Amino acid sequence: MQTVKHLLDQKSGEVLSVRSEDSVLHAIGVMAQWHVGALLVMQDAELLGVLSERDYARKVILKGRSSADTTVGEIMSSPVITVRPEDTVHHCMQIMTDKRIRHLPVVSNSKVVGVLSIGDLVKAVIDEQREEIEQLQRYIAGA
């Protein structure tokens, strides 16, 4: 069973973030530039929250607020649900399902070391299942 650390080792390691005082317009621009659906909200090395496209849609667009005049801190999701590098992929998927979230910051020794998306986890599960199927096919063919 794969762990969070294994998945992070396959990613770039870059953690994208904004500050709570940044405008939502700026944050959405960063998301668009990097083709991501969420950003961490950080103050120096401290994780304050997560800002997702869902937060933007529900807390800015649907309420008729201005993206330029609304700060990230006003709409970010907080407190943040996090996982550790030693947690399993299945544990992370269970958290995402139960909490209805799509991004999980990974924290080790009080420091953010990465972020996993639901896409990262689904890909890992599919890869694991593909490998098991191939092993079973080789076993059956050799029997």
C-alpha atoms as a PDB file:
ATOM      1  CA  MET A   1       0.000   0.000   0.000  1.00  0.00           C
ATOM      2  CA  GLN A   2       1.411   3.342  -1.054  1.00  0.00           C
ATOM      3  CA  THR A   3       2.089   6.126   1.388  1.00  0.00           C
ATOM      4  CA  VAL A   4       1.815   9.882   1.041  1.00  0.00           C
ATOM      5  CA  LYS A   5       5.622  10.091   1.050  1.00  0.00           C
ATOM      6  CA  HIS A   6       5.795   7.810  -1.979  1.00  0.00           C
ATOM      7  CA  LEU A   7       3.391  10.064  -3.894  1.00  0.00           C
ATOM      8  CA  LEU A   8       5.235  13.239  -2.886  1.00  0.00           C
ATOM      9  CA  ASP A   9       8.521  11.724  -4.081  1.00  0.00           C
ATOM     10  CA  GLN A  10       6.967  11.540  -7.577  1.00  0.00           C
ATOM     11  CA  LYS A  11       5.830  15.182  -7.588  1.00  0.00           C
ATOM     12  CA  SER A  12       7.834  18.360  -8.166  1.00  0.00           C
ATOM     13  CA  GLY A  13       7.859  19.269  -4.484  1.00  0.00           C
ATOM     14  CA  GLU A  14       6.785  22.833  -5.154  1.00  0.00           C
ATOM     15  CA  VAL A  15       4.085  24.099  -2.805  1.00  0.00           C
ATOM     16  CA  LEU A  16       2.076  26.990  -4.207  1.00  0.00           C
ATOM     17  CA  SER A  17       0.732  29.473  -1.712  1.00  0.00           C
ATOM     18  CA  VAL A  18      -0.680  32.938  -1.214  1.00  0.00           C
ATOM     19  CA  ARG A  19      -0.973  35.187   1.814  1.00  0.00           C
ATOM     20  CA  SER A  20      -4.223  35.846   3.642  1.00  0.00           C
ATOM     21  CA  GLU A  21      -4.001  39.564   2.826  1.00  0.00           C
ATOM     22  CA  ASP A  22      -3.680  38.924  -0.941  1.00  0.00           C
ATOM     23  CA  SER A  23      -6.719  39.693  -3.064  1.00  0.00           C
ATOM     24  CA  VAL A  24      -8.818  36.817  -4.295  1.00  0.00           C
ATOM     25  CA  LEU A  25      -8.235  38.127  -7.821  1.00  0.00           C
ATOM     26  CA  HIS A  26      -4.484  37.642  -7.355  1.00  0.00           C
ATOM     27  CA  ALA A  27      -5.001  34.114  -5.989  1.00  0.00           C
ATOM     28  CA  ILE A  28      -7.266  33.096  -8.871  1.00  0.00           C
ATOM     29  CA  GLY A  29      -4.608  34.407 -11.255  1.00  0.00           C
ATOM     30  CA  VAL A  30      -1.985  32.204  -9.582  1.00  0.00           C
ATOM     31  CA  MET A  31      -4.297  29.188  -9.832  1.00  0.00           C
ATOM     32  CA  ALA A  32      -4.843  29.860 -13.532  1.00  0.00           C
ATOM     33  CA  GLN A  33      -1.138  30.378 -14.192  1.00  0.00           C
ATOM     34  CA  TRP A  34      -0.183  27.058 -12.574  1.00  0.00           C
ATOM     35  CA  HIS A  35      -3.322  25.125 -13.642  1.00  0.00           C
ATOM     36  CA  VAL A  36      -4.267  24.165 -10.077  1.00  0.00           C
ATOM     37  CA  GLY A  37      -7.581  24.145  -8.253  1.00  0.00           C
ATOM     38  CA  ALA A  38      -6.371  25.231  -4.826  1.00  0.00           C
ATOM     39  CA  LEU A  39      -3.621  27.115  -3.044  1.00  0.00           C
ATOM     40  CA  LEU A  40      -2.335  26.986   0.495  1.00  0.00           C
ATOM     41  CA  VAL A  41      -2.680  30.154   2.518  1.00  0.00           C
ATOM     42  CA  MET A  42       0.560  30.705   4.404  1.00  0.00           C
ATOM     43  CA  GLN A  43       2.048  33.275   6.766  1.00  0.00           C
ATOM     44  CA  ASP A  44       5.771  32.639   6.577  1.00  0.00           C
ATOM     45  CA  ALA A  45       5.968  28.887   7.309  1.00  0.00           C
ATOM     46  CA  GLU A  46       2.599  28.704   9.104  1.00  0.00           C
ATOM     47  CA  LEU A  47      -0.343  27.084   7.331  1.00  0.00           C
ATOM     48  CA  LEU A  48      -3.439  29.240   7.849  1.00  0.00           C
ATOM     49  CA  GLY A  49      -5.911  27.807   5.364  1.00  0.00           C
ATOM     50  CA  VAL A  50      -6.677  26.512   1.892  1.00  0.00           C
ATOM     51  CA  LEU A  51      -8.250  28.523  -0.899  1.00  0.00           C
ATOM     52  CA  SER A  52     -10.030  26.470  -3.559  1.00  0.00           C
ATOM     53  CA  GLU A  53     -12.024  27.211  -6.671  1.00  0.00           C
ATOM     54  CA  ARG A  54     -15.029  25.997  -4.682  1.00  0.00           C
ATOM     55  CA  ASP A  55     -14.392  28.683  -2.035  1.00  0.00           C
ATOM     56  CA  TYR A  56     -14.224  31.278  -4.792  1.00  0.00           C
ATOM     57  CA  ALA A  57     -17.430  30.128  -6.451  1.00  0.00           C
ATOM     58  CA  ARG A  58     -19.450  29.908  -3.250  1.00  0.00           C
ATOM     59  CA  LYS A  59     -18.064  32.804  -1.222  1.00  0.00           C
ATOM     60  CA  VAL A  60     -17.352  35.397  -3.907  1.00  0.00           C
ATOM     61  CA  ILE A  61     -19.253  34.738  -7.136  1.00  0.00           C
ATOM     62  CA  LEU A  62     -22.534  33.521  -5.618  1.00  0.00           C
ATOM     63  CA  LYS A  63     -22.514  36.351  -3.064  1.00  0.00           C
ATOM     64  CA  GLY A  64     -21.815  39.037  -5.647  1.00  0.00           C
ATOM     65  CA  ARG A  65     -18.550  40.091  -4.024  1.00  0.00           C
ATOM     66  CA  SER A  66     -15.632  41.694  -5.835  1.00  0.00           C
ATOM     67  CA  SER A  67     -12.581  39.481  -6.422  1.00  0.00           C
ATOM     68  CA  ALA A  68     -10.341  42.535  -6.309  1.00  0.00           C
ATOM     69  CA  ASP A  69     -11.760  43.831  -3.016  1.00  0.00           C
ATOM     70  CA  THR A  70     -12.052  40.519  -1.157  1.00  0.00           C
ATOM     71  CA  THR A  71      -9.006  39.103   0.598  1.00  0.00           C
ATOM     72  CA  VAL A  72      -8.015  35.453   0.596  1.00  0.00           C
ATOM     73  CA  GLY A  73      -8.313  35.413   4.388  1.00  0.00           C
ATOM     74  CA  GLU A  74     -11.997  36.312   4.158  1.00  0.00           C
ATOM     75  CA  ILE A  75     -12.948  33.245   2.137  1.00  0.00           C
ATOM     76  CA  MET A  76     -10.280  30.582   2.790  1.00  0.00           C
ATOM     77  CA  SER A  77     -11.225  27.275   4.378  1.00  0.00           C
ATOM     78  CA  SER A  78      -9.864  26.965   7.889  1.00  0.00           C
ATOM     79  CA  PRO A  79      -8.971  25.084  10.055  1.00  0.00           C
ATOM     80  CA  VAL A  80      -7.052  22.938   7.595  1.00  0.00           C
ATOM     81  CA  ILE A  81      -7.268  19.169   7.508  1.00  0.00           C
ATOM     82  CA  THR A  82      -3.770  17.767   6.968  1.00  0.00           C
ATOM     83  CA  VAL A  83      -2.078  14.393   6.576  1.00  0.00           C
ATOM     84  CA  ARG A  84       1.411  13.083   7.350  1.00  0.00           C
ATOM     85  CA  PRO A  85       3.946  11.499   4.977  1.00  0.00           C
ATOM     86  CA  GLU A  86       3.459   8.089   6.613  1.00  0.00           C
ATOM     87  CA  ASP A  87      -0.321   8.048   6.023  1.00  0.00           C
ATOM     88  CA  THR A  88      -1.649   5.709   3.341  1.00  0.00           C
ATOM     89  CA  VAL A  89      -3.323   6.639   0.081  1.00  0.00           C
ATOM     90  CA  HIS A  90      -6.475   4.851   1.226  1.00  0.00           C
ATOM     91  CA  HIS A  91      -6.538   6.833   4.474  1.00  0.00           C
ATOM     92  CA  CYS A  92      -6.266  10.085   2.483  1.00  0.00           C
ATOM     93  CA  MET A  93      -9.073   9.042   0.150  1.00  0.00           C
ATOM     94  CA  GLN A  94     -11.266   8.270   3.148  1.00  0.00           C
ATOM     95  CA  ILE A  95     -10.598  11.735   4.610  1.00  0.00           C
ATOM     96  CA  MET A  96     -11.380  13.431   1.302  1.00  0.00           C
ATOM     97  CA  THR A  97     -14.589  11.447   0.933  1.00  0.00           C
ATOM     98  CA  ASP A  98     -15.751  12.052   4.502  1.00  0.00           C
ATOM     99  CA  LYS A  99     -14.873  15.759   4.536  1.00  0.00           C
ATOM    100  CA  ARG A 100     -15.808  16.417   0.887  1.00  0.00           C
ATOM    101  CA  ILE A 101     -12.502  18.072   0.100  1.00  0.00           C
ATOM    102  CA  ARG A 102     -10.205  17.730  -2.908  1.00  0.00           C
ATOM    103  CA  HIS A 103      -6.830  18.853  -1.555  1.00  0.00           C
ATOM    104  CA  LEU A 104      -4.789  17.728   1.455  1.00  0.00           C
ATOM    105  CA  PRO A 105      -1.713  19.560   2.691  1.00  0.00           C
ATOM    106  CA  VAL A 106       1.007  17.216   3.935  1.00  0.00           C
ATOM    107  CA  VAL A 107       2.700  18.276   7.171  1.00  0.00           C
ATOM    108  CA  SER A 108       5.832  16.815   8.759  1.00  0.00           C
ATOM    109  CA  ASN A 109       7.362  18.214  11.954  1.00  0.00           C
ATOM    110  CA  SER A 110       4.996  21.210  11.784  1.00  0.00           C
ATOM    111  CA  LYS A 111       6.228  22.061   8.265  1.00  0.00           C
ATOM    112  CA  VAL A 112       4.240  21.843   5.029  1.00  0.00           C
ATOM    113  CA  VAL A 113       6.072  19.406   2.746  1.00  0.00           C
ATOM    114  CA  GLY A 114       3.546  19.050  -0.058  1.00  0.00           C
ATOM    115  CA  VAL A 115      -0.057  18.919  -1.206  1.00  0.00           C
ATOM    116  CA  LEU A 116      -2.042  16.001  -2.586  1.00  0.00           C
ATOM    117  CA  SER A 117      -5.073  16.367  -4.809  1.00  0.00           C
ATOM    118  CA  ILE A 118      -7.861  13.873  -5.349  1.00  0.00           C
ATOM    119  CA  GLY A 119      -6.364  13.328  -8.812  1.00  0.00           C
ATOM    120  CA  ASP A 120      -3.033  12.279  -7.285  1.00  0.00           C
ATOM    121  CA  LEU A 121      -4.800   9.737  -5.106  1.00  0.00           C
ATOM    122  CA  VAL A 122      -7.039   8.331  -7.831  1.00  0.00           C
ATOM    123  CA  LYS A 123      -4.030   7.887 -10.124  1.00  0.00           C
ATOM    124  CA  ALA A 124      -2.160   6.047  -7.345  1.00  0.00           C
ATOM    125  CA  VAL A 125      -5.075   3.678  -6.733  1.00  0.00           C
ATOM    126  CA  ILE A 126      -5.484   2.987 -10.461  1.00  0.00           C
ATOM    127  CA  ASP A 127      -1.750   2.294 -10.814  1.00  0.00           C
ATOM    128  CA  GLU A 128      -1.849  -0.048  -7.810  1.00  0.00           C
ATOM    129  CA  GLN A 129      -4.853  -1.935  -9.197  1.00  0.00           C
ATOM    130  CA  ARG A 130      -3.257  -2.189 -12.656  1.00  0.00           C
ATOM    131  CA  GLU A 131      -0.154  -3.729 -11.094  1.00  0.00           C
ATOM    132  CA  GLU A 132      -2.210  -6.256  -9.134  1.00  0.00           C
ATOM    133  CA  ILE A 133      -4.147  -7.233 -12.269  1.00  0.00           C
ATOM    134  CA  GLU A 134      -0.921  -7.727 -14.219  1.00  0.00           C
ATOM    135  CA  GLN A 135       0.491  -9.910 -11.437  1.00  0.00           C
ATOM    136  CA  LEU A 136      -2.658 -12.024 -11.374  1.00  0.00           C
ATOM    137  CA  GLN A 137      -2.603 -12.398 -15.158  1.00  0.00           C
ATOM    138  CA  ARG A 138       1.034 -13.541 -15.061  1.00  0.00           C
ATOM    139  CA  TYR A 139       0.191 -15.996 -12.281  1.00  0.00           C
ATOM    140  CA  ILE A 140      -2.773 -17.439 -14.198  1.00  0.00           C
ATOM    141  CA  ALA A 141      -0.778 -17.667 -17.444  1.00  0.00           C
ATOM    142  CA  GLY A 142       2.043 -19.460 -15.641  1.00  0.00           C
ATOM    143  CA  ALA A 143      -0.210 -21.902 -13.812  1.00  0.00           C
END
